[in-house]
Amino acid sequence: MVFAHGSRVEAANQAVRAVTAQLAELGSFRYVEAAFLELGEPSLSGAVARLVGEGVRSIRVIPYFLISGTHMERDLPRILQEISLQYKDLDIATTPPLDTHPALLQILLDRARSPQ
């Protein structure tokens, strides 16, 4: 599951959904959902409910956040705790935010060297 902040600009939410669809296709994952903290649908709990309804029993939440700020340190753990209380047999965990991945530096270098 790709978990993003969400935006009042629907095109931004659609971009997250598009990345999620690409992740599903490239990774050959059967169940992949986009979920949003706010300003987008579905919410994380709504996306989890959908997956659980499909029989999924293990979920990895991939935060589509660059840094580990308030949403990662406070909001996401709170939401995951609520979900864990609701679905006792569900294995749900989160990965680190994007800033800890070594490929991010290469992306920044590529952008810095780009002519535009």
PDB file of N, CA and C in Angstrom:
ATOM      1  N   MET A   1       0.839  -1.167   0.000  1.00  0.00           N
ATOM      2  CA  MET A   1       0.000   0.000   0.000  1.00  0.00           C
ATOM      3  C   MET A   1       0.888   1.236   0.000  1.00  0.00           C
ATOM      4  N   VAL A   2       0.573   2.168  -0.881  1.00  0.00           N
ATOM      5  CA  VAL A   2       1.294   3.430  -0.951  1.00  0.00           C
ATOM      6  C   VAL A   2       0.464   4.464  -0.188  1.00  0.00           C
ATOM      7  N   PHE A   3       1.078   5.053   0.832  1.00  0.00           N
ATOM      8  CA  PHE A   3       0.387   5.983   1.719  1.00  0.00           C
ATOM      9  C   PHE A   3       0.943   7.390   1.524  1.00  0.00           C
ATOM     10  N   ALA A   4       0.097   8.292   1.037  1.00  0.00           N
ATOM     11  CA  ALA A   4       0.500   9.678   0.762  1.00  0.00           C
ATOM     12  C   ALA A   4      -0.320  10.652   1.605  1.00  0.00           C
ATOM     13  N   HIS A   5       0.118  11.890   1.617  1.00  0.00           N
ATOM     14  CA  HIS A   5      -0.592  12.920   2.386  1.00  0.00           C
ATOM     15  C   HIS A   5      -1.975  13.186   1.817  1.00  0.00           C
ATOM     16  N   GLY A   6      -2.048  13.381   0.515  1.00  0.00           N
ATOM     17  CA  GLY A   6      -3.299  13.797  -0.114  1.00  0.00           C
ATOM     18  C   GLY A   6      -3.267  15.281  -0.384  1.00  0.00           C
ATOM     19  N   SER A   7      -4.049  15.696  -1.365  1.00  0.00           N
ATOM     20  CA  SER A   7      -4.027  17.091  -1.802  1.00  0.00           C
ATOM     21  C   SER A   7      -5.417  17.552  -2.222  1.00  0.00           C
ATOM     22  N   ARG A   8      -5.641  18.857  -2.090  1.00  0.00           N
ATOM     23  CA  ARG A   8      -6.875  19.439  -2.630  1.00  0.00           C
ATOM     24  C   ARG A   8      -6.854  19.420  -4.162  1.00  0.00           C
ATOM     25  N   VAL A   9      -5.676  19.302  -4.731  1.00  0.00           N
ATOM     26  CA  VAL A   9      -5.502  19.223  -6.178  1.00  0.00           C
ATOM     27  C   VAL A   9      -5.641  17.749  -6.570  1.00  0.00           C
ATOM     28  N   GLU A  10      -6.759  17.407  -7.176  1.00  0.00           N
ATOM     29  CA  GLU A  10      -7.037  16.012  -7.490  1.00  0.00           C
ATOM     30  C   GLU A  10      -5.992  15.397  -8.415  1.00  0.00           C
ATOM     31  N   ALA A  11      -5.388  16.200  -9.269  1.00  0.00           N
ATOM     32  CA  ALA A  11      -4.338  15.674 -10.146  1.00  0.00           C
ATOM     33  C   ALA A  11      -3.165  15.115  -9.336  1.00  0.00           C
ATOM     34  N   ALA A  12      -2.876  15.722  -8.200  1.00  0.00           N
ATOM     35  CA  ALA A  12      -1.806  15.211  -7.330  1.00  0.00           C
ATOM     36  C   ALA A  12      -2.192  13.858  -6.756  1.00  0.00           C
ATOM     37  N   ASN A  13      -3.442  13.703  -6.337  1.00  0.00           N
ATOM     38  CA  ASN A  13      -3.914  12.411  -5.825  1.00  0.00           C
ATOM     39  C   ASN A  13      -3.901  11.364  -6.932  1.00  0.00           C
ATOM     40  N   GLN A  14      -4.256  11.776  -8.141  1.00  0.00           N
ATOM     41  CA  GLN A  14      -4.232  10.856  -9.276  1.00  0.00           C
ATOM     42  C   GLN A  14      -2.801  10.416  -9.589  1.00  0.00           C
ATOM     43  N   ALA A  15      -1.833  11.305  -9.393  1.00  0.00           N
ATOM     44  CA  ALA A  15      -0.433  10.951  -9.619  1.00  0.00           C
ATOM     45  C   ALA A  15       0.005   9.850  -8.648  1.00  0.00           C
ATOM     46  N   VAL A  16      -0.452   9.924  -7.414  1.00  0.00           N
ATOM     47  CA  VAL A  16      -0.148   8.875  -6.435  1.00  0.00           C
ATOM     48  C   VAL A  16      -0.795   7.565  -6.863  1.00  0.00           C
ATOM     49  N   ARG A  17      -2.023   7.632  -7.322  1.00  0.00           N
ATOM     50  CA  ARG A  17      -2.704   6.415  -7.794  1.00  0.00           C
ATOM     51  C   ARG A  17      -1.978   5.815  -8.992  1.00  0.00           C
ATOM     52  N   ALA A  18      -1.455   6.662  -9.875  1.00  0.00           N
ATOM     53  CA  ALA A  18      -0.723   6.176 -11.051  1.00  0.00           C
ATOM     54  C   ALA A  18       0.572   5.483 -10.638  1.00  0.00           C
ATOM     55  N   VAL A  19       1.303   6.060  -9.697  1.00  0.00           N
ATOM     56  CA  VAL A  19       2.530   5.431  -9.193  1.00  0.00           C
ATOM     57  C   VAL A  19       2.189   4.098  -8.540  1.00  0.00           C
ATOM     58  N   THR A  20       1.099   4.060  -7.813  1.00  0.00           N
ATOM     59  CA  THR A  20       0.671   2.825  -7.160  1.00  0.00           C
ATOM     60  C   THR A  20       0.359   1.749  -8.192  1.00  0.00           C
ATOM     61  N   ALA A  21      -0.312   2.117  -9.247  1.00  0.00           N
ATOM     62  CA  ALA A  21      -0.622   1.158 -10.317  1.00  0.00           C
ATOM     63  C   ALA A  21       0.654   0.652 -10.978  1.00  0.00           C
ATOM     64  N   GLN A  22       1.618   1.538 -11.182  1.00  0.00           N
ATOM     65  CA  GLN A  22       2.894   1.124 -11.765  1.00  0.00           C
ATOM     66  C   GLN A  22       3.645   0.184 -10.834  1.00  0.00           C
ATOM     67  N   LEU A  23       3.601   0.459  -9.540  1.00  0.00           N
ATOM     68  CA  LEU A  23       4.227  -0.413  -8.548  1.00  0.00           C
ATOM     69  C   LEU A  23       3.620  -1.811  -8.611  1.00  0.00           C
ATOM     70  N   ALA A  24       2.310  -1.869  -8.675  1.00  0.00           N
ATOM     71  CA  ALA A  24       1.627  -3.165  -8.755  1.00  0.00           C
ATOM     72  C   ALA A  24       2.057  -3.930  -9.994  1.00  0.00           C
ATOM     73  N   GLU A  25       2.126  -3.218 -11.117  1.00  0.00           N
ATOM     74  CA  GLU A  25       2.476  -3.868 -12.381  1.00  0.00           C
ATOM     75  C   GLU A  25       3.933  -4.314 -12.405  1.00  0.00           C
ATOM     76  N   LEU A  26       4.843  -3.425 -12.062  1.00  0.00           N
ATOM     77  CA  LEU A  26       6.268  -3.753 -12.113  1.00  0.00           C
ATOM     78  C   LEU A  26       6.662  -4.793 -11.071  1.00  0.00           C
ATOM     79  N   GLY A  27       6.002  -4.745  -9.918  1.00  0.00           N
ATOM     80  CA  GLY A  27       6.323  -5.690  -8.854  1.00  0.00           C
ATOM     81  C   GLY A  27       5.526  -6.978  -8.920  1.00  0.00           C
ATOM     82  N   SER A  28       4.614  -7.052  -9.877  1.00  0.00           N
ATOM     83  CA  SER A  28       3.725  -8.216  -9.999  1.00  0.00           C
ATOM     84  C   SER A  28       2.991  -8.499  -8.686  1.00  0.00           C
ATOM     85  N   PHE A  29       2.549  -7.433  -8.044  1.00  0.00           N
ATOM     86  CA  PHE A  29       1.787  -7.560  -6.805  1.00  0.00           C
ATOM     87  C   PHE A  29       0.303  -7.630  -7.145  1.00  0.00           C
ATOM     88  N   ARG A  30      -0.379  -8.567  -6.547  1.00  0.00           N
ATOM     89  CA  ARG A  30      -1.808  -8.731  -6.827  1.00  0.00           C
ATOM     90  C   ARG A  30      -2.642  -7.628  -6.178  1.00  0.00           C
ATOM     91  N   TYR A  31      -2.292  -7.288  -4.951  1.00  0.00           N
ATOM     92  CA  TYR A  31      -3.071  -6.297  -4.207  1.00  0.00           C
ATOM     93  C   TYR A  31      -2.193  -5.108  -3.846  1.00  0.00           C
ATOM     94  N   VAL A  32      -2.445  -3.980  -4.463  1.00  0.00           N
ATOM     95  CA  VAL A  32      -1.746  -2.740  -4.136  1.00  0.00           C
ATOM     96  C   VAL A  32      -2.785  -1.629  -4.172  1.00  0.00           C
ATOM     97  N   GLU A  33      -2.798  -0.832  -3.132  1.00  0.00           N
ATOM     98  CA  GLU A  33      -3.762   0.265  -3.026  1.00  0.00           C
ATOM     99  C   GLU A  33      -3.023   1.563  -2.723  1.00  0.00           C
ATOM    100  N   ALA A  34      -3.573   2.661  -3.179  1.00  0.00           N
ATOM    101  CA  ALA A  34      -3.146   3.984  -2.730  1.00  0.00           C
ATOM    102  C   ALA A  34      -4.056   4.359  -1.566  1.00  0.00           C
ATOM    103  N   ALA A  35      -3.492   5.052  -0.594  1.00  0.00           N
ATOM    104  CA  ALA A  35      -4.272   5.525   0.549  1.00  0.00           C
ATOM    105  C   ALA A  35      -3.747   6.905   0.943  1.00  0.00           C
ATOM    106  N   PHE A  36      -4.613   7.677   1.590  1.00  0.00           N
ATOM    107  CA  PHE A  36      -4.266   9.060   1.889  1.00  0.00           C
ATOM    108  C   PHE A  36      -4.528   9.404   3.354  1.00  0.00           C
ATOM    109  N   LEU A  37      -3.670  10.257   3.886  1.00  0.00           N
ATOM    110  CA  LEU A  37      -3.838  10.748   5.249  1.00  0.00           C
ATOM    111  C   LEU A  37      -5.031  11.691   5.319  1.00  0.00           C
ATOM    112  N   GLU A  38      -5.112  12.593   4.356  1.00  0.00           N
ATOM    113  CA  GLU A  38      -6.214  13.544   4.294  1.00  0.00           C
ATOM    114  C   GLU A  38      -6.321  14.078   2.871  1.00  0.00           C
ATOM    115  N   LEU A  39      -7.421  14.680   2.569  1.00  0.00           N
ATOM    116  CA  LEU A  39      -7.637  15.351   1.284  1.00  0.00           C
ATOM    117  C   LEU A  39      -7.621  14.413   0.083  1.00  0.00           C
ATOM    118  N   GLY A  40      -7.742  13.137   0.313  1.00  0.00           N
ATOM    119  CA  GLY A  40      -7.796  12.157  -0.765  1.00  0.00           C
ATOM    120  C   GLY A  40      -8.493  10.903  -0.278  1.00  0.00           C
ATOM    121  N   GLU A  41      -8.985  10.135  -1.204  1.00  0.00           N
ATOM    122  CA  GLU A  41      -9.676   8.891  -0.877  1.00  0.00           C
ATOM    123  C   GLU A  41      -9.036   7.741  -1.632  1.00  0.00           C
ATOM    124  N   PRO A  42      -8.970   6.594  -0.999  1.00  0.00           N
ATOM    125  CA  PRO A  42      -9.483   6.241   0.319  1.00  0.00           C
ATOM    126  C   PRO A  42      -8.497   6.616   1.421  1.00  0.00           C
ATOM    127  N   SER A  43      -8.999   6.635   2.636  1.00  0.00           N
ATOM    128  CA  SER A  43      -8.133   6.792   3.801  1.00  0.00           C
ATOM    129  C   SER A  43      -7.355   5.490   3.977  1.00  0.00           C
ATOM    130  N   LEU A  44      -6.367   5.515   4.847  1.00  0.00           N
ATOM    131  CA  LEU A  44      -5.602   4.301   5.116  1.00  0.00           C
ATOM    132  C   LEU A  44      -6.506   3.212   5.686  1.00  0.00           C
ATOM    133  N   SER A  45      -7.352   3.564   6.631  1.00  0.00           N
ATOM    134  CA  SER A  45      -8.257   2.558   7.210  1.00  0.00           C
ATOM    135  C   SER A  45      -9.253   2.049   6.172  1.00  0.00           C
ATOM    136  N   GLY A  46      -9.700   2.915   5.279  1.00  0.00           N
ATOM    137  CA  GLY A  46     -10.609   2.481   4.220  1.00  0.00           C
ATOM    138  C   GLY A  46      -9.944   1.526   3.240  1.00  0.00           C
ATOM    139  N   ALA A  47      -8.694   1.829   2.880  1.00  0.00           N
ATOM    140  CA  ALA A  47      -7.952   0.947   1.968  1.00  0.00           C
ATOM    141  C   ALA A  47      -7.668  -0.393   2.626  1.00  0.00           C
ATOM    142  N   VAL A  48      -7.338  -0.372   3.908  1.00  0.00           N
ATOM    143  CA  VAL A  48      -7.103  -1.627   4.632  1.00  0.00           C
ATOM    144  C   VAL A  48      -8.389  -2.457   4.662  1.00  0.00           C
ATOM    145  N   ALA A  49      -9.505  -1.825   4.941  1.00  0.00           N
ATOM    146  CA  ALA A  49     -10.783  -2.543   4.974  1.00  0.00           C
ATOM    147  C   ALA A  49     -11.052  -3.220   3.634  1.00  0.00           C
ATOM    148  N   ARG A  50     -10.758  -2.524   2.566  1.00  0.00           N
ATOM    149  CA  ARG A  50     -10.958  -3.107   1.236  1.00  0.00           C
ATOM    150  C   ARG A  50     -10.067  -4.329   1.028  1.00  0.00           C
ATOM    151  N   LEU A  51      -8.796  -4.210   1.390  1.00  0.00           N
ATOM    152  CA  LEU A  51      -7.868  -5.325   1.222  1.00  0.00           C
ATOM    153  C   LEU A  51      -8.238  -6.508   2.103  1.00  0.00           C
ATOM    154  N   VAL A  52      -8.588  -6.234   3.338  1.00  0.00           N
ATOM    155  CA  VAL A  52      -9.010  -7.312   4.247  1.00  0.00           C
ATOM    156  C   VAL A  52     -10.242  -8.002   3.676  1.00  0.00           C
ATOM    157  N   GLY A  53     -11.157  -7.230   3.107  1.00  0.00           N
ATOM    158  CA  GLY A  53     -12.337  -7.796   2.466  1.00  0.00           C
ATOM    159  C   GLY A  53     -11.996  -8.705   1.297  1.00  0.00           C
ATOM    160  N   GLU A  54     -10.837  -8.482   0.684  1.00  0.00           N
ATOM    161  CA  GLU A  54     -10.359  -9.322  -0.424  1.00  0.00           C
ATOM    162  C   GLU A  54      -9.593 -10.545   0.085  1.00  0.00           C
ATOM    163  N   GLY A  55      -9.435 -10.630   1.418  1.00  0.00           N
ATOM    164  CA  GLY A  55      -8.732 -11.774   1.997  1.00  0.00           C
ATOM    165  C   GLY A  55      -7.269 -11.546   2.307  1.00  0.00           C
ATOM    166  N   VAL A  56      -6.784 -10.326   2.126  1.00  0.00           N
ATOM    167  CA  VAL A  56      -5.386 -10.013   2.415  1.00  0.00           C
ATOM    168  C   VAL A  56      -5.164 -10.055   3.928  1.00  0.00           C
ATOM    169  N   ARG A  57      -4.082 -10.695   4.353  1.00  0.00           N
ATOM    170  CA  ARG A  57      -3.785 -10.817   5.783  1.00  0.00           C
ATOM    171  C   ARG A  57      -2.449 -10.201   6.175  1.00  0.00           C
ATOM    172  N   SER A  58      -1.726  -9.683   5.183  1.00  0.00           N
ATOM    173  CA  SER A  58      -0.434  -9.047   5.448  1.00  0.00           C
ATOM    174  C   SER A  58      -0.316  -7.814   4.550  1.00  0.00           C
ATOM    175  N   ILE A  59      -0.047  -6.666   5.165  1.00  0.00           N
ATOM    176  CA  ILE A  59       0.023  -5.397   4.429  1.00  0.00           C
ATOM    177  C   ILE A  59       1.297  -4.667   4.818  1.00  0.00           C
ATOM    178  N   ARG A  60       2.014  -4.167   3.808  1.00  0.00           N
ATOM    179  CA  ARG A  60       3.152  -3.284   4.016  1.00  0.00           C
ATOM    180  C   ARG A  60       2.739  -1.899   3.545  1.00  0.00           C
ATOM    181  N   VAL A  61       2.835  -0.951   4.439  1.00  0.00           N
ATOM    182  CA  VAL A  61       2.501   0.442   4.125  1.00  0.00           C
ATOM    183  C   VAL A  61       3.797   1.145   3.731  1.00  0.00           C
ATOM    184  N   ILE A  62       3.832   1.646   2.511  1.00  0.00           N
ATOM    185  CA  ILE A  62       5.008   2.355   1.999  1.00  0.00           C
ATOM    186  C   ILE A  62       4.684   3.847   2.010  1.00  0.00           C
ATOM    187  N   PRO A  63       5.257   4.584   2.944  1.00  0.00           N
ATOM    188  CA  PRO A  63       4.964   6.020   3.005  1.00  0.00           C
ATOM    189  C   PRO A  63       5.551   6.755   1.807  1.00  0.00           C
ATOM    190  N   TYR A  64       4.706   7.486   1.125  1.00  0.00           N
ATOM    191  CA  TYR A  64       5.121   8.314  -0.014  1.00  0.00           C
ATOM    192  C   TYR A  64       5.427   9.705   0.524  1.00  0.00           C
ATOM    193  N   PHE A  65       6.355   9.744   1.484  1.00  0.00           N
ATOM    194  CA  PHE A  65       6.775  10.961   2.173  1.00  0.00           C
ATOM    195  C   PHE A  65       8.291  11.027   2.065  1.00  0.00           C
ATOM    196  N   LEU A  66       8.826  12.211   1.870  1.00  0.00           N
ATOM    197  CA  LEU A  66      10.277  12.346   1.770  1.00  0.00           C
ATOM    198  C   LEU A  66      10.976  12.217   3.114  1.00  0.00           C
ATOM    199  N   ILE A  67      10.394  12.783   4.153  1.00  0.00           N
ATOM    200  CA  ILE A  67      11.086  12.816   5.442  1.00  0.00           C
ATOM    201  C   ILE A  67      10.187  12.274   6.553  1.00  0.00           C
ATOM    202  N   SER A  68      10.820  11.971   7.652  1.00  0.00           N
ATOM    203  CA  SER A  68      10.098  11.455   8.807  1.00  0.00           C
ATOM    204  C   SER A  68       9.688  12.614   9.708  1.00  0.00           C
ATOM    205  N   GLY A  69       8.602  13.285   9.343  1.00  0.00           N
ATOM    206  CA  GLY A  69       8.093  14.415  10.122  1.00  0.00           C
ATOM    207  C   GLY A  69       6.915  13.997  10.987  1.00  0.00           C
ATOM    208  N   THR A  70       6.076  14.955  11.295  1.00  0.00           N
ATOM    209  CA  THR A  70       4.936  14.737  12.188  1.00  0.00           C
ATOM    210  C   THR A  70       4.015  13.625  11.697  1.00  0.00           C
ATOM    211  N   HIS A  71       3.746  13.598  10.413  1.00  0.00           N
ATOM    212  CA  HIS A  71       2.823  12.576   9.910  1.00  0.00           C
ATOM    213  C   HIS A  71       3.397  11.174  10.079  1.00  0.00           C
ATOM    214  N   MET A  72       4.706  11.040   9.897  1.00  0.00           N
ATOM    215  CA  MET A  72       5.342   9.735  10.049  1.00  0.00           C
ATOM    216  C   MET A  72       5.543   9.373  11.516  1.00  0.00           C
ATOM    217  N   GLU A  73       5.844  10.351  12.324  1.00  0.00           N
ATOM    218  CA  GLU A  73       6.158  10.090  13.733  1.00  0.00           C
ATOM    219  C   GLU A  73       4.924   9.998  14.626  1.00  0.00           C
ATOM    220  N   ARG A  74       3.857  10.696  14.259  1.00  0.00           N
ATOM    221  CA  ARG A  74       2.672  10.743  15.112  1.00  0.00           C
ATOM    222  C   ARG A  74       1.444  10.139  14.440  1.00  0.00           C
ATOM    223  N   ASP A  75       1.107  10.641  13.274  1.00  0.00           N
ATOM    224  CA  ASP A  75      -0.160  10.258  12.645  1.00  0.00           C
ATOM    225  C   ASP A  75      -0.183   8.805  12.173  1.00  0.00           C
ATOM    226  N   LEU A  76       0.828   8.405  11.429  1.00  0.00           N
ATOM    227  CA  LEU A  76       0.834   7.042  10.896  1.00  0.00           C
ATOM    228  C   LEU A  76       0.844   5.988  12.005  1.00  0.00           C
ATOM    229  N   PRO A  77       1.684   6.098  13.042  1.00  0.00           N
ATOM    230  CA  PRO A  77       1.622   5.097  14.111  1.00  0.00           C
ATOM    231  C   PRO A  77       0.251   5.030  14.801  1.00  0.00           C
ATOM    232  N   ARG A  78      -0.388   6.181  14.969  1.00  0.00           N
ATOM    233  CA  ARG A  78      -1.711   6.198  15.591  1.00  0.00           C
ATOM    234  C   ARG A  78      -2.727   5.455  14.727  1.00  0.00           C
ATOM    235  N   ILE A  79      -2.705   5.725  13.429  1.00  0.00           N
ATOM    236  CA  ILE A  79      -3.637   5.063  12.513  1.00  0.00           C
ATOM    237  C   ILE A  79      -3.367   3.563  12.474  1.00  0.00           C
ATOM    238  N   LEU A  80      -2.096   3.173  12.422  1.00  0.00           N
ATOM    239  CA  LEU A  80      -1.756   1.748  12.395  1.00  0.00           C
ATOM    240  C   LEU A  80      -2.187   1.044  13.673  1.00  0.00           C
ATOM    241  N   GLN A  81      -2.068   1.725  14.790  1.00  0.00           N
ATOM    242  CA  GLN A  81      -2.510   1.132  16.057  1.00  0.00           C
ATOM    243  C   GLN A  81      -4.026   0.908  16.044  1.00  0.00           C
ATOM    244  N   GLU A  82      -4.770   1.887  15.557  1.00  0.00           N
ATOM    245  CA  GLU A  82      -6.223   1.735  15.465  1.00  0.00           C
ATOM    246  C   GLU A  82      -6.596   0.575  14.540  1.00  0.00           C
ATOM    247  N   ILE A  83      -5.897   0.467  13.413  1.00  0.00           N
ATOM    248  CA  ILE A  83      -6.161  -0.625  12.477  1.00  0.00           C
ATOM    249  C   ILE A  83      -5.837  -1.971  13.122  1.00  0.00           C
ATOM    250  N   SER A  84      -4.713  -2.045  13.839  1.00  0.00           N
ATOM    251  CA  SER A  84      -4.318  -3.293  14.494  1.00  0.00           C
ATOM    252  C   SER A  84      -5.330  -3.725  15.550  1.00  0.00           C
ATOM    253  N   LEU A  85      -5.930  -2.778  16.216  1.00  0.00           N
ATOM    254  CA  LEU A  85      -6.959  -3.111  17.205  1.00  0.00           C
ATOM    255  C   LEU A  85      -8.226  -3.624  16.529  1.00  0.00           C
ATOM    256  N   GLN A  86      -8.520  -3.106  15.368  1.00  0.00           N
ATOM    257  CA  GLN A  86      -9.724  -3.517  14.643  1.00  0.00           C
ATOM    258  C   GLN A  86      -9.539  -4.867  13.963  1.00  0.00           C
ATOM    259  N   TYR A  87      -8.345  -5.115  13.421  1.00  0.00           N
ATOM    260  CA  TYR A  87      -8.063  -6.355  12.689  1.00  0.00           C
ATOM    261  C   TYR A  87      -6.935  -7.091  13.410  1.00  0.00           C
ATOM    262  N   LYS A  88      -7.283  -7.848  14.414  1.00  0.00           N
ATOM    263  CA  LYS A  88      -6.294  -8.480  15.285  1.00  0.00           C
ATOM    264  C   LYS A  88      -5.405  -9.490  14.560  1.00  0.00           C
ATOM    265  N   ASP A  89      -5.909 -10.129  13.510  1.00  0.00           N
ATOM    266  CA  ASP A  89      -5.130 -11.144  12.795  1.00  0.00           C
ATOM    267  C   ASP A  89      -4.360 -10.572  11.601  1.00  0.00           C
ATOM    268  N   LEU A  90      -4.399  -9.276  11.415  1.00  0.00           N
ATOM    269  CA  LEU A  90      -3.738  -8.647  10.282  1.00  0.00           C
ATOM    270  C   LEU A  90      -2.284  -8.325  10.627  1.00  0.00           C
ATOM    271  N   ASP A  91      -1.380  -8.725   9.759  1.00  0.00           N
ATOM    272  CA  ASP A  91       0.032  -8.354   9.867  1.00  0.00           C
ATOM    273  C   ASP A  91       0.199  -7.067   9.063  1.00  0.00           C
ATOM    274  N   ILE A  92       0.333  -5.941   9.759  1.00  0.00           N
ATOM    275  CA  ILE A  92       0.492  -4.648   9.079  1.00  0.00           C
ATOM    276  C   ILE A  92       1.722  -3.949   9.640  1.00  0.00           C
ATOM    277  N   ALA A  93       2.555  -3.469   8.729  1.00  0.00           N
ATOM    278  CA  ALA A  93       3.786  -2.787   9.122  1.00  0.00           C
ATOM    279  C   ALA A  93       4.080  -1.713   8.094  1.00  0.00           C
ATOM    280  N   THR A  94       4.985  -0.821   8.451  1.00  0.00           N
ATOM    281  CA  THR A  94       5.342   0.276   7.562  1.00  0.00           C
ATOM    282  C   THR A  94       6.830   0.223   7.223  1.00  0.00           C
ATOM    283  N   THR A  95       7.161   0.741   6.059  1.00  0.00           N
ATOM    284  CA  THR A  95       8.559   0.865   5.662  1.00  0.00           C
ATOM    285  C   THR A  95       9.030   2.278   6.022  1.00  0.00           C
ATOM    286  N   PRO A  96      10.326   2.535   5.960  1.00  0.00           N
ATOM    287  CA  PRO A  96      10.803   3.896   6.219  1.00  0.00           C
ATOM    288  C   PRO A  96      10.347   4.853   5.117  1.00  0.00           C
ATOM    289  N   PRO A  97      10.385   6.166   5.408  1.00  0.00           N
ATOM    290  CA  PRO A  97      10.070   7.140   4.363  1.00  0.00           C
ATOM    291  C   PRO A  97      11.160   7.121   3.284  1.00  0.00           C
ATOM    292  N   LEU A  98      10.942   7.842   2.226  1.00  0.00           N
ATOM    293  CA  LEU A  98      11.825   7.793   1.066  1.00  0.00           C
ATOM    294  C   LEU A  98      13.229   8.351   1.327  1.00  0.00           C
ATOM    295  N   ASP A  99      13.377   9.271   2.289  1.00  0.00           N
ATOM    296  CA  ASP A  99      14.677   9.938   2.470  1.00  0.00           C
ATOM    297  C   ASP A  99      15.789   9.000   2.904  1.00  0.00           C
ATOM    298  N   THR A 100      15.482   7.836   3.393  1.00  0.00           N
ATOM    299  CA  THR A 100      16.530   6.912   3.829  1.00  0.00           C
ATOM    300  C   THR A 100      16.989   5.982   2.708  1.00  0.00           C
ATOM    301  N   HIS A 101      16.362   6.078   1.547  1.00  0.00           N
ATOM    302  CA  HIS A 101      16.729   5.191   0.445  1.00  0.00           C
ATOM    303  C   HIS A 101      17.892   5.787  -0.352  1.00  0.00           C
ATOM    304  N   PRO A 102      18.931   4.989  -0.639  1.00  0.00           N
ATOM    305  CA  PRO A 102      20.100   5.525  -1.339  1.00  0.00           C
ATOM    306  C   PRO A 102      19.805   6.032  -2.748  1.00  0.00           C
ATOM    307  N   ALA A 103      18.774   5.557  -3.391  1.00  0.00           N
ATOM    308  CA  ALA A 103      18.458   6.013  -4.751  1.00  0.00           C
ATOM    309  C   ALA A 103      18.013   7.473  -4.773  1.00  0.00           C
ATOM    310  N   LEU A 104      17.558   7.999  -3.649  1.00  0.00           N
ATOM    311  CA  LEU A 104      17.097   9.385  -3.622  1.00  0.00           C
ATOM    312  C   LEU A 104      18.234  10.354  -3.964  1.00  0.00           C
ATOM    313  N   LEU A 105      19.417  10.093  -3.473  1.00  0.00           N
ATOM    314  CA  LEU A 105      20.553  10.959  -3.792  1.00  0.00           C
ATOM    315  C   LEU A 105      20.828  10.953  -5.294  1.00  0.00           C
ATOM    316  N   GLN A 106      20.746   9.801  -5.921  1.00  0.00           N
ATOM    317  CA  GLN A 106      20.964   9.725  -7.367  1.00  0.00           C
ATOM    318  C   GLN A 106      19.897  10.522  -8.120  1.00  0.00           C
ATOM    319  N   ILE A 107      18.671  10.457  -7.654  1.00  0.00           N
ATOM    320  CA  ILE A 107      17.595  11.234  -8.271  1.00  0.00           C
ATOM    321  C   ILE A 107      17.898  12.729  -8.166  1.00  0.00           C
ATOM    322  N   LEU A 108      18.352  13.170  -6.994  1.00  0.00           N
ATOM    323  CA  LEU A 108      18.699  14.583  -6.813  1.00  0.00           C
ATOM    324  C   LEU A 108      19.860  14.983  -7.725  1.00  0.00           C
ATOM    325  N   LEU A 109      20.860  14.112  -7.854  1.00  0.00           N
ATOM    326  CA  LEU A 109      21.977  14.394  -8.766  1.00  0.00           C
ATOM    327  C   LEU A 109      21.491  14.506 -10.201  1.00  0.00           C
ATOM    328  N   ASP A 110      20.614  13.593 -10.617  1.00  0.00           N
ATOM    329  CA  ASP A 110      20.060  13.648 -11.964  1.00  0.00           C
ATOM    330  C   ASP A 110      19.329  14.961 -12.207  1.00  0.00           C
ATOM    331  N   ARG A 111      18.529  15.384 -11.235  1.00  0.00           N
ATOM    332  CA  ARG A 111      17.797  16.646 -11.371  1.00  0.00           C
ATOM    333  C   ARG A 111      18.749  17.839 -11.423  1.00  0.00           C
ATOM    334  N   ALA A 112      19.790  17.805 -10.586  1.00  0.00           N
ATOM    335  CA  ALA A 112      20.741  18.919 -10.546  1.00  0.00           C
ATOM    336  C   ALA A 112      21.509  19.046 -11.865  1.00  0.00           C
ATOM    337  N   ARG A 113      21.735  17.940 -12.531  1.00  0.00           N
ATOM    338  CA  ARG A 113      22.491  17.939 -13.793  1.00  0.00           C
ATOM    339  C   ARG A 113      21.590  18.114 -15.008  1.00  0.00           C
ATOM    340  N   SER A 114      20.309  18.119 -14.800  1.00  0.00           N
ATOM    341  CA  SER A 114      19.365  18.239 -15.899  1.00  0.00           C
ATOM    342  C   SER A 114      19.414  19.657 -16.476  1.00  0.00           C
ATOM    343  N   PRO A 115      19.313  19.781 -17.801  1.00  0.00           N
ATOM    344  CA  PRO A 115      19.375  21.118 -18.417  1.00  0.00           C
ATOM    345  C   PRO A 115      18.148  21.975 -18.113  1.00  0.00           C
ATOM    346  N   GLN A 116      17.058  21.372 -17.713  1.00  0.00           N
ATOM    347  CA  GLN A 116      15.850  22.170 -17.450  1.00  0.00           C
ATOM    348  C   GLN A 116      15.440  22.047 -16.044  1.00  0.00           C
TER     349      GLN A 116
END
